[in-house]
N, C-alpha and C. Protein backbone atom coordinates (compact mmCIF):
# COMPACT_ATOMS: atom_id res chain seq x y z
N MET A 1 -5.82 -16.74 88.22
CA MET A 1 -6.62 -17.49 89.17
C MET A 1 -5.75 -17.98 90.33
N LYS A 2 -4.53 -18.43 90.00
CA LYS A 2 -3.61 -18.92 91.03
C LYS A 2 -3.29 -17.80 92.03
N LEU A 3 -3.09 -16.58 91.52
CA LEU A 3 -2.80 -15.43 92.38
C LEU A 3 -3.99 -15.15 93.30
N PHE A 4 -5.20 -15.22 92.76
CA PHE A 4 -6.40 -14.99 93.56
C PHE A 4 -6.51 -16.03 94.68
N LEU A 5 -6.30 -17.30 94.37
CA LEU A 5 -6.39 -18.36 95.37
C LEU A 5 -5.32 -18.20 96.44
N THR A 6 -4.11 -17.80 96.03
CA THR A 6 -3.03 -17.57 97.00
C THR A 6 -3.40 -16.42 97.93
N ALA A 7 -3.92 -15.33 97.36
CA ALA A 7 -4.32 -14.18 98.17
C ALA A 7 -5.46 -14.54 99.11
N ALA A 8 -6.44 -15.29 98.62
CA ALA A 8 -7.57 -15.70 99.46
C ALA A 8 -7.11 -16.60 100.60
N ALA A 9 -6.21 -17.53 100.31
CA ALA A 9 -5.70 -18.43 101.35
C ALA A 9 -4.91 -17.65 102.39
N THR A 10 -4.09 -16.69 101.95
CA THR A 10 -3.32 -15.86 102.88
C THR A 10 -4.24 -15.06 103.78
N LEU A 11 -5.26 -14.46 103.20
CA LEU A 11 -6.23 -13.68 103.97
C LEU A 11 -6.94 -14.56 104.99
N LEU A 12 -7.36 -15.72 104.58
CA LEU A 12 -8.06 -16.65 105.46
C LEU A 12 -7.17 -17.09 106.62
N LEU A 13 -5.93 -17.42 106.32
CA LEU A 13 -5.02 -17.93 107.35
C LEU A 13 -4.55 -16.85 108.31
N THR A 14 -4.51 -15.59 107.88
CA THR A 14 -4.00 -14.53 108.75
C THR A 14 -5.10 -13.66 109.35
N SER A 15 -6.35 -13.90 109.02
CA SER A 15 -7.43 -13.04 109.52
C SER A 15 -7.54 -13.09 111.04
N GLY A 16 -7.22 -14.21 111.66
CA GLY A 16 -7.27 -14.32 113.12
C GLY A 16 -6.17 -13.56 113.82
N LEU A 17 -5.11 -13.22 113.11
CA LEU A 17 -4.00 -12.52 113.74
C LEU A 17 -4.37 -11.11 114.17
N ALA A 18 -5.30 -10.49 113.48
CA ALA A 18 -5.72 -9.13 113.85
C ALA A 18 -6.30 -9.13 115.25
N LEU A 19 -7.09 -10.12 115.59
CA LEU A 19 -7.67 -10.19 116.94
C LEU A 19 -6.66 -10.64 117.96
N ALA A 20 -5.74 -11.51 117.57
CA ALA A 20 -4.76 -12.03 118.52
C ALA A 20 -3.88 -10.93 119.07
N GLY A 21 -3.58 -9.91 118.28
CA GLY A 21 -2.71 -8.84 118.73
C GLY A 21 -3.47 -7.65 119.29
N GLU A 22 -4.77 -7.79 119.48
CA GLU A 22 -5.60 -6.68 119.93
C GLU A 22 -5.17 -6.24 121.32
N LYS A 23 -5.05 -4.93 121.51
CA LYS A 23 -4.67 -4.37 122.80
C LYS A 23 -5.91 -3.79 123.46
N GLY A 24 -5.85 -3.69 124.75
CA GLY A 24 -6.96 -3.13 125.49
C GLY A 24 -7.12 -3.83 126.82
N MET A 25 -8.29 -3.70 127.39
CA MET A 25 -8.58 -4.31 128.68
C MET A 25 -10.02 -4.81 128.66
N MET A 26 -10.21 -6.01 129.16
CA MET A 26 -11.55 -6.58 129.30
C MET A 26 -11.98 -6.34 130.75
N HIS A 27 -13.00 -5.51 130.93
CA HIS A 27 -13.55 -5.22 132.25
C HIS A 27 -14.79 -6.09 132.41
N CYS A 28 -14.76 -7.00 133.38
CA CYS A 28 -15.85 -7.96 133.57
C CYS A 28 -16.40 -7.87 134.98
N PHE A 29 -17.70 -8.09 135.10
CA PHE A 29 -18.31 -8.16 136.42
C PHE A 29 -19.46 -9.15 136.40
N ALA A 30 -19.54 -9.90 137.50
CA ALA A 30 -20.63 -10.86 137.69
C ALA A 30 -21.48 -10.34 138.85
N PHE A 31 -22.78 -10.58 138.76
CA PHE A 31 -23.65 -10.06 139.81
C PHE A 31 -24.77 -11.02 140.15
N THR A 32 -25.35 -10.78 141.33
CA THR A 32 -26.49 -11.55 141.82
C THR A 32 -27.76 -10.85 141.34
N VAL A 33 -28.64 -11.63 140.74
CA VAL A 33 -29.86 -11.03 140.18
C VAL A 33 -30.92 -10.82 141.26
N ILE A 34 -31.76 -9.83 141.05
CA ILE A 34 -32.92 -9.60 141.90
C ILE A 34 -34.03 -10.51 141.38
N PRO A 35 -34.51 -11.44 142.19
CA PRO A 35 -35.54 -12.38 141.70
C PRO A 35 -36.80 -11.68 141.20
N GLU A 36 -37.12 -10.53 141.76
CA GLU A 36 -38.34 -9.82 141.39
C GLU A 36 -38.20 -9.00 140.10
N ALA A 37 -37.01 -8.95 139.52
CA ALA A 37 -36.82 -8.18 138.28
C ALA A 37 -37.75 -8.72 137.20
N THR A 38 -38.41 -7.81 136.52
CA THR A 38 -39.38 -8.20 135.49
C THR A 38 -38.70 -8.40 134.13
N ASP A 39 -39.43 -8.99 133.21
CA ASP A 39 -38.92 -9.14 131.85
C ASP A 39 -38.60 -7.78 131.24
N SER A 40 -39.42 -6.79 131.53
CA SER A 40 -39.15 -5.45 130.98
C SER A 40 -37.91 -4.83 131.61
N ASP A 41 -37.65 -5.12 132.89
CA ASP A 41 -36.40 -4.66 133.53
C ASP A 41 -35.20 -5.26 132.82
N TRP A 42 -35.26 -6.57 132.53
CA TRP A 42 -34.15 -7.27 131.86
C TRP A 42 -33.98 -6.78 130.43
N LYS A 43 -35.07 -6.52 129.75
CA LYS A 43 -34.99 -6.02 128.38
C LYS A 43 -34.34 -4.64 128.37
N ALA A 44 -34.75 -3.78 129.30
CA ALA A 44 -34.17 -2.44 129.40
C ALA A 44 -32.69 -2.51 129.73
N PHE A 45 -32.31 -3.43 130.63
CA PHE A 45 -30.90 -3.60 130.98
C PHE A 45 -30.09 -4.05 129.78
N ALA A 46 -30.58 -5.05 129.06
CA ALA A 46 -29.86 -5.57 127.88
C ALA A 46 -29.69 -4.47 126.83
N GLU A 47 -30.75 -3.73 126.57
CA GLU A 47 -30.68 -2.67 125.56
C GLU A 47 -29.73 -1.55 125.98
N ALA A 48 -29.81 -1.14 127.25
CA ALA A 48 -28.92 -0.08 127.73
C ALA A 48 -27.47 -0.53 127.72
N THR A 49 -27.22 -1.78 128.13
CA THR A 49 -25.86 -2.30 128.15
C THR A 49 -25.29 -2.37 126.74
N ASP A 50 -26.09 -2.81 125.79
CA ASP A 50 -25.63 -2.89 124.40
C ASP A 50 -25.35 -1.51 123.79
N LYS A 51 -25.88 -0.45 124.38
CA LYS A 51 -25.66 0.90 123.87
C LYS A 51 -24.28 1.46 124.22
N TRP A 52 -23.58 0.85 125.18
CA TRP A 52 -22.32 1.42 125.63
C TRP A 52 -21.36 1.80 124.50
N PRO A 53 -21.07 0.93 123.55
CA PRO A 53 -20.11 1.32 122.50
C PRO A 53 -20.53 2.57 121.70
N SER A 54 -21.81 2.80 121.55
CA SER A 54 -22.26 3.99 120.81
C SER A 54 -22.33 5.22 121.71
N GLN A 55 -22.36 5.03 123.02
CA GLN A 55 -22.47 6.14 123.97
C GLN A 55 -21.13 6.60 124.51
N PHE A 56 -20.09 5.74 124.38
CA PHE A 56 -18.79 6.04 124.98
C PHE A 56 -17.70 5.44 124.10
N LYS A 57 -16.84 6.28 123.59
CA LYS A 57 -15.84 5.83 122.61
C LYS A 57 -14.79 4.88 123.19
N GLY A 58 -14.66 4.80 124.51
CA GLY A 58 -13.66 3.94 125.13
C GLY A 58 -14.05 2.47 125.20
N ILE A 59 -15.31 2.15 124.88
CA ILE A 59 -15.78 0.75 124.91
C ILE A 59 -15.98 0.30 123.47
N GLN A 60 -15.29 -0.80 123.13
CA GLN A 60 -15.34 -1.31 121.76
C GLN A 60 -16.43 -2.37 121.57
N LYS A 61 -16.64 -3.20 122.58
CA LYS A 61 -17.57 -4.32 122.44
C LYS A 61 -18.12 -4.71 123.81
N ILE A 62 -19.32 -5.29 123.79
CA ILE A 62 -20.00 -5.73 125.02
C ILE A 62 -20.39 -7.20 124.88
N TRP A 63 -20.19 -7.96 125.95
CA TRP A 63 -20.75 -9.31 126.07
C TRP A 63 -21.58 -9.30 127.35
N GLN A 64 -22.74 -9.93 127.33
CA GLN A 64 -23.56 -10.00 128.53
C GLN A 64 -24.43 -11.23 128.48
N GLY A 65 -24.79 -11.73 129.66
CA GLY A 65 -25.70 -12.86 129.71
C GLY A 65 -25.58 -13.63 131.01
N LYS A 66 -26.31 -14.73 131.06
CA LYS A 66 -26.25 -15.61 132.22
C LYS A 66 -24.89 -16.30 132.23
N LEU A 67 -24.36 -16.53 133.42
CA LEU A 67 -23.13 -17.30 133.55
C LEU A 67 -23.44 -18.76 133.24
N ARG A 68 -22.49 -19.46 132.67
CA ARG A 68 -22.69 -20.88 132.34
C ARG A 68 -23.06 -21.66 133.59
N GLY A 69 -22.44 -21.32 134.70
CA GLY A 69 -22.76 -21.90 136.00
C GLY A 69 -22.63 -20.80 137.04
N PRO A 70 -23.38 -20.86 138.12
CA PRO A 70 -23.30 -19.82 139.14
C PRO A 70 -21.89 -19.71 139.71
N LEU A 71 -21.50 -18.50 140.05
CA LEU A 71 -20.20 -18.21 140.64
C LEU A 71 -20.42 -17.92 142.12
N ALA A 72 -19.83 -18.71 142.99
CA ALA A 72 -20.00 -18.52 144.44
C ALA A 72 -18.98 -17.51 144.95
N GLN A 73 -19.44 -16.56 145.74
CA GLN A 73 -18.58 -15.55 146.35
C GLN A 73 -18.77 -15.68 147.86
N PHE A 74 -17.69 -15.90 148.58
CA PHE A 74 -17.78 -16.07 150.03
C PHE A 74 -17.20 -14.86 150.74
N THR A 75 -17.87 -14.44 151.81
CA THR A 75 -17.35 -13.36 152.64
C THR A 75 -17.16 -13.90 154.05
N ILE A 76 -16.08 -13.45 154.68
CA ILE A 76 -15.77 -13.86 156.05
C ILE A 76 -15.49 -12.62 156.88
N THR A 77 -15.31 -12.80 158.17
CA THR A 77 -15.06 -11.67 159.05
C THR A 77 -13.68 -11.07 158.77
N ALA A 78 -13.53 -9.79 159.10
CA ALA A 78 -12.25 -9.10 158.90
C ALA A 78 -11.15 -9.77 159.72
N GLU A 79 -11.49 -10.22 160.91
CA GLU A 79 -10.50 -10.89 161.77
C GLU A 79 -10.00 -12.19 161.13
N ALA A 80 -10.92 -12.98 160.61
CA ALA A 80 -10.53 -14.24 159.96
C ALA A 80 -9.71 -13.96 158.70
N ARG A 81 -10.10 -12.95 157.94
CA ARG A 81 -9.35 -12.59 156.73
C ARG A 81 -7.92 -12.21 157.07
N LYS A 82 -7.76 -11.45 158.16
CA LYS A 82 -6.43 -11.02 158.59
C LYS A 82 -5.57 -12.22 158.98
N LYS A 83 -6.16 -13.17 159.70
CA LYS A 83 -5.43 -14.38 160.10
C LYS A 83 -5.02 -15.20 158.88
N LEU A 84 -5.93 -15.37 157.95
CA LEU A 84 -5.62 -16.14 156.74
C LEU A 84 -4.54 -15.46 155.91
N ALA A 85 -4.61 -14.13 155.81
CA ALA A 85 -3.60 -13.37 155.06
C ALA A 85 -2.23 -13.49 155.71
N ALA A 86 -2.21 -13.66 157.03
CA ALA A 86 -0.94 -13.82 157.75
C ALA A 86 -0.39 -15.24 157.62
N GLY A 87 -1.15 -16.14 157.00
CA GLY A 87 -0.66 -17.50 156.78
C GLY A 87 -1.20 -18.55 157.72
N GLU A 88 -2.09 -18.15 158.64
CA GLU A 88 -2.67 -19.15 159.54
C GLU A 88 -3.50 -20.16 158.75
N LYS A 89 -3.55 -21.38 159.25
CA LYS A 89 -4.35 -22.44 158.62
C LYS A 89 -5.52 -22.78 159.54
N ASP A 90 -6.57 -23.35 158.98
CA ASP A 90 -7.72 -23.83 159.75
C ASP A 90 -8.32 -22.76 160.65
N VAL A 91 -8.57 -21.59 160.10
CA VAL A 91 -9.19 -20.49 160.84
C VAL A 91 -10.69 -20.71 160.88
N GLU A 92 -11.26 -20.70 162.09
CA GLU A 92 -12.71 -20.88 162.23
C GLU A 92 -13.39 -19.52 162.15
N THR A 93 -14.47 -19.46 161.36
CA THR A 93 -15.22 -18.21 161.21
C THR A 93 -16.58 -18.52 160.60
N LYS A 94 -17.47 -17.57 160.72
CA LYS A 94 -18.74 -17.68 160.00
C LYS A 94 -18.51 -17.10 158.61
N ALA A 95 -19.19 -17.67 157.64
CA ALA A 95 -19.05 -17.21 156.26
C ALA A 95 -20.43 -16.98 155.66
N ASN A 96 -20.46 -16.12 154.68
CA ASN A 96 -21.69 -15.86 153.94
C ASN A 96 -21.40 -16.16 152.47
N ARG A 97 -22.35 -16.76 151.78
CA ARG A 97 -22.16 -17.10 150.37
C ARG A 97 -23.15 -16.32 149.51
N LEU A 98 -22.62 -15.65 148.51
CA LEU A 98 -23.44 -14.98 147.50
C LEU A 98 -23.27 -15.75 146.20
N MET A 99 -24.34 -15.90 145.47
CA MET A 99 -24.26 -16.58 144.18
C MET A 99 -24.43 -15.55 143.07
N ARG A 100 -23.46 -15.51 142.19
CA ARG A 100 -23.51 -14.61 141.02
C ARG A 100 -24.04 -15.43 139.84
N GLN A 101 -25.08 -14.94 139.17
CA GLN A 101 -25.70 -15.70 138.09
C GLN A 101 -25.58 -15.04 136.72
N HIS A 102 -25.22 -13.78 136.68
CA HIS A 102 -25.25 -13.03 135.42
C HIS A 102 -23.95 -12.22 135.31
N GLY A 103 -23.54 -11.90 134.11
CA GLY A 103 -22.31 -11.14 133.96
C GLY A 103 -22.28 -10.26 132.72
N VAL A 104 -21.35 -9.32 132.75
CA VAL A 104 -21.11 -8.41 131.63
C VAL A 104 -19.60 -8.26 131.48
N CYS A 105 -19.13 -8.25 130.24
CA CYS A 105 -17.74 -7.92 129.94
C CYS A 105 -17.74 -6.81 128.91
N MET A 106 -16.85 -5.85 129.14
CA MET A 106 -16.72 -4.71 128.24
C MET A 106 -15.29 -4.64 127.74
N LEU A 107 -15.09 -4.70 126.44
CA LEU A 107 -13.76 -4.53 125.88
C LEU A 107 -13.48 -3.04 125.81
N MET A 108 -12.53 -2.60 126.64
CA MET A 108 -12.19 -1.18 126.73
C MET A 108 -10.85 -0.93 126.05
N ASN A 109 -10.58 0.33 125.74
CA ASN A 109 -9.33 0.69 125.09
C ASN A 109 -8.12 0.42 125.97
N GLY A 110 -8.27 0.51 127.28
CA GLY A 110 -7.17 0.28 128.20
C GLY A 110 -7.58 0.61 129.62
N PRO A 111 -6.65 0.43 130.58
CA PRO A 111 -6.97 0.67 132.00
C PRO A 111 -7.44 2.09 132.29
N GLU A 112 -6.88 3.07 131.59
CA GLU A 112 -7.28 4.46 131.83
C GLU A 112 -8.74 4.70 131.47
N THR A 113 -9.28 3.87 130.60
CA THR A 113 -10.67 4.01 130.16
C THR A 113 -11.65 3.76 131.29
N LEU A 114 -11.27 2.95 132.27
CA LEU A 114 -12.17 2.62 133.37
C LEU A 114 -12.60 3.87 134.14
N LYS A 115 -11.66 4.78 134.41
CA LYS A 115 -12.00 6.02 135.11
C LYS A 115 -12.92 6.90 134.27
N GLU A 116 -12.63 6.95 132.98
CA GLU A 116 -13.45 7.75 132.07
C GLU A 116 -14.87 7.16 131.96
N TYR A 117 -14.96 5.84 131.98
CA TYR A 117 -16.24 5.14 131.87
C TYR A 117 -17.16 5.49 133.04
N THR A 118 -16.62 5.49 134.26
CA THR A 118 -17.47 5.79 135.42
C THR A 118 -17.89 7.26 135.45
N ALA A 119 -17.12 8.13 134.79
CA ALA A 119 -17.45 9.55 134.74
C ALA A 119 -18.30 9.92 133.52
N ALA A 120 -18.49 8.98 132.61
CA ALA A 120 -19.26 9.26 131.38
C ALA A 120 -20.72 9.58 131.73
N PRO A 121 -21.33 10.53 131.04
CA PRO A 121 -22.73 10.89 131.31
C PRO A 121 -23.69 9.70 131.23
N PHE A 122 -23.45 8.77 130.31
CA PHE A 122 -24.34 7.62 130.14
C PHE A 122 -24.27 6.67 131.34
N HIS A 123 -23.17 6.71 132.10
CA HIS A 123 -23.00 5.78 133.23
C HIS A 123 -24.12 5.93 134.25
N LYS A 124 -24.48 7.16 134.58
CA LYS A 124 -25.54 7.39 135.57
C LYS A 124 -26.88 6.84 135.09
N GLU A 125 -27.19 7.07 133.82
CA GLU A 125 -28.44 6.56 133.23
C GLU A 125 -28.44 5.03 133.23
N TRP A 126 -27.30 4.45 132.82
CA TRP A 126 -27.19 2.99 132.77
C TRP A 126 -27.30 2.37 134.17
N MET A 127 -26.66 2.99 135.17
CA MET A 127 -26.71 2.47 136.55
C MET A 127 -28.14 2.42 137.07
N ALA A 128 -28.95 3.41 136.76
CA ALA A 128 -30.35 3.42 137.21
C ALA A 128 -31.10 2.20 136.67
N ILE A 129 -30.78 1.79 135.46
CA ILE A 129 -31.41 0.61 134.85
C ILE A 129 -30.81 -0.67 135.43
N TYR A 130 -29.49 -0.69 135.57
CA TYR A 130 -28.76 -1.85 136.11
C TYR A 130 -29.23 -2.18 137.53
N GLU A 131 -29.47 -1.17 138.35
CA GLU A 131 -29.88 -1.37 139.74
C GLU A 131 -31.22 -2.11 139.85
N LYS A 132 -32.01 -2.14 138.80
CA LYS A 132 -33.31 -2.83 138.82
C LYS A 132 -33.20 -4.33 138.62
N VAL A 133 -32.02 -4.81 138.21
CA VAL A 133 -31.86 -6.25 137.96
C VAL A 133 -30.83 -6.92 138.86
N ARG A 134 -30.12 -6.15 139.67
CA ARG A 134 -29.05 -6.75 140.47
C ARG A 134 -29.11 -6.36 141.94
N VAL A 135 -28.63 -7.29 142.76
CA VAL A 135 -28.41 -7.01 144.17
C VAL A 135 -27.12 -6.19 144.23
N ALA A 136 -27.06 -5.17 145.08
CA ALA A 136 -25.88 -4.32 145.16
C ALA A 136 -24.62 -5.15 145.40
N GLY A 137 -23.56 -4.79 144.72
CA GLY A 137 -22.28 -5.49 144.83
C GLY A 137 -22.03 -6.38 143.62
N THR A 138 -20.77 -6.47 143.23
CA THR A 138 -20.39 -7.31 142.09
C THR A 138 -19.06 -8.00 142.38
N THR A 139 -18.78 -9.01 141.60
CA THR A 139 -17.45 -9.61 141.56
C THR A 139 -16.84 -9.09 140.27
N THR A 140 -15.83 -8.24 140.39
CA THR A 140 -15.27 -7.53 139.25
C THR A 140 -13.81 -7.90 139.06
N TYR A 141 -13.41 -8.02 137.79
CA TYR A 141 -12.00 -8.24 137.47
C TYR A 141 -11.71 -7.66 136.09
N ASP A 142 -10.44 -7.34 135.87
CA ASP A 142 -10.00 -6.77 134.60
C ASP A 142 -8.89 -7.64 134.03
N ILE A 143 -8.95 -7.89 132.73
CA ILE A 143 -7.93 -8.67 132.03
C ILE A 143 -7.22 -7.73 131.07
N LEU A 144 -5.90 -7.61 131.23
CA LEU A 144 -5.10 -6.75 130.36
C LEU A 144 -4.58 -7.56 129.19
N ALA A 145 -4.77 -7.06 127.98
CA ALA A 145 -4.25 -7.73 126.79
C ALA A 145 -2.73 -7.58 126.78
N GLN A 146 -2.05 -8.61 126.31
CA GLN A 146 -0.59 -8.56 126.25
C GLN A 146 -0.10 -8.80 124.86
């Protein structure tokens, strides 16, 4: 019995280590929703997005849903961006604000998987469904596991 309890305690205490050392890349994107998207559009999007791991071996897991709070994305003129990049302060310009309300994260095998993902046959089918719930354009970032 003592051996069983020791083994159970060891398993319990080390079970989180398997995830901690996980390698790969988290590909995430936030997007602005189309207000006119119907419940059936959203249901189709959720179902298609959840299919990725079964349709493409490079994706291990999917997370999707509303963002906890909206993410503001600001765009400015190319001239203002150039001045700011050069280190100028207090640059006057007009700005546009986009609000991102929804997001998806895909746990991929690694950075090389991103190119394969966009070329996968399912990508075209999924994009046709995705386009029904989002305004064109996303805020995208990738997190590399270390």
